[in-house]
Amino acid sequence: MKAKIYITLKNGIHDPQGRAIQQSLQTLGFEGVQDVRMGKFLEVDLQEMKKDSAEKTINTMCQKLLANTVIEDFRYEIIEN
């Protein structure tokens, strides 16, 4: 089993990395880019377990360590091999 985890800043939280990327893209001639938000992507391999157990495990991992839930949102998908 594999979990794909996407962590992004919550709306309204200033994103200086995203802003720097946006400005760099505009400098390179990509004029149509209005906004860039920077985030994190993680892949976690899990030993075989039921999908609902895997979801609970990943959710707990995100809540306790992987995401700063004060300023970040997270979502994930579980892929069964």
Protein backbone atom coordinates (compact mmCIF):
# COMPACT_ATOMS: atom_id res chain seq x y z
CA MET A 1 0.00 0.00 0.00
CA LYS A 2 1.16 3.50 -0.74
CA ALA A 3 -0.12 6.83 0.53
CA LYS A 4 0.33 10.03 -1.47
CA ILE A 5 0.16 13.04 0.84
CA TYR A 6 -0.25 16.65 -0.33
CA ILE A 7 0.40 19.45 2.16
CA THR A 8 -0.32 23.09 1.29
CA LEU A 9 -0.55 26.37 3.14
CA LYS A 10 -4.07 27.33 4.13
CA ASN A 11 -5.76 30.10 2.16
CA GLY A 12 -4.85 33.47 3.59
CA ILE A 13 -1.41 32.35 4.79
CA HIS A 14 1.39 34.33 3.14
CA ASP A 15 3.51 32.13 0.83
CA PRO A 16 6.90 33.82 0.18
CA GLN A 17 8.27 30.80 -1.72
CA GLY A 18 5.27 30.75 -4.02
CA ARG A 19 5.60 34.50 -4.60
CA ALA A 20 9.32 34.15 -5.47
CA ILE A 21 8.51 31.37 -7.95
CA GLN A 22 5.75 33.46 -9.51
CA GLN A 23 8.09 36.43 -9.96
CA SER A 24 10.79 34.20 -11.45
CA LEU A 25 8.33 32.70 -13.91
CA GLN A 26 7.25 36.17 -14.99
CA THR A 27 10.90 37.17 -15.42
CA LEU A 28 11.34 34.15 -17.70
CA GLY A 29 8.45 35.34 -19.85
CA PHE A 30 5.54 33.38 -18.41
CA GLU A 31 3.28 36.43 -18.16
CA GLY A 32 0.01 34.55 -17.58
CA VAL A 33 0.97 33.17 -14.15
CA GLN A 34 -1.19 34.97 -11.60
CA ASP A 35 -0.35 33.02 -8.44
CA VAL A 36 1.84 30.15 -7.26
CA ARG A 37 1.38 28.28 -3.99
CA MET A 38 4.24 26.12 -2.76
CA GLY A 39 3.54 22.84 -0.98
CA LYS A 40 4.96 19.47 -0.02
CA PHE A 41 4.37 16.04 -1.51
CA LEU A 42 5.20 12.83 0.33
CA GLU A 43 4.89 9.17 -0.58
CA VAL A 44 4.68 6.72 2.28
CA ASP A 45 4.84 2.96 1.76
CA LEU A 46 2.73 1.04 4.24
CA GLN A 47 2.66 -2.64 5.04
CA GLU A 48 -0.51 -4.40 4.05
CA MET A 49 -3.52 -3.38 6.11
CA LYS A 50 -7.16 -2.59 5.56
CA LYS A 51 -7.80 0.66 3.72
CA ASP A 52 -9.69 2.24 6.64
CA SER A 53 -6.79 1.43 8.99
CA ALA A 54 -4.34 2.94 6.50
CA GLU A 55 -6.44 6.11 6.29
CA LYS A 56 -6.54 6.45 10.08
CA THR A 57 -2.78 5.89 10.28
CA ILE A 58 -1.98 8.48 7.58
CA ASN A 59 -4.40 10.99 9.08
CA THR A 60 -2.74 10.61 12.49
CA MET A 61 0.74 10.96 10.94
CA CYS A 62 -0.31 14.20 9.27
CA GLN A 63 -1.97 15.57 12.41
CA LYS A 64 0.98 14.75 14.68
CA LEU A 65 4.05 15.34 12.50
CA LEU A 66 3.82 15.83 8.76
CA ALA A 67 1.62 18.93 8.61
CA ASN A 68 1.50 22.02 10.79
CA THR A 69 -2.28 22.07 11.03
CA VAL A 70 -2.33 25.66 12.29
CA ILE A 71 -1.16 26.98 8.90
CA GLU A 72 -1.31 23.95 6.58
CA ASP A 73 -4.02 21.78 5.05
CA PHE A 74 -3.41 18.23 3.97
CA ARG A 75 -5.08 15.63 1.83
CA TYR A 76 -4.04 12.15 0.89
CA GLU A 77 -4.92 9.20 -1.26
CA ILE A 78 -4.31 5.55 -0.50
CA ILE A 79 -3.25 3.35 -3.39
CA GLU A 80 -3.53 -0.37 -2.99
CA ASN A 81 -0.88 -2.35 -4.86
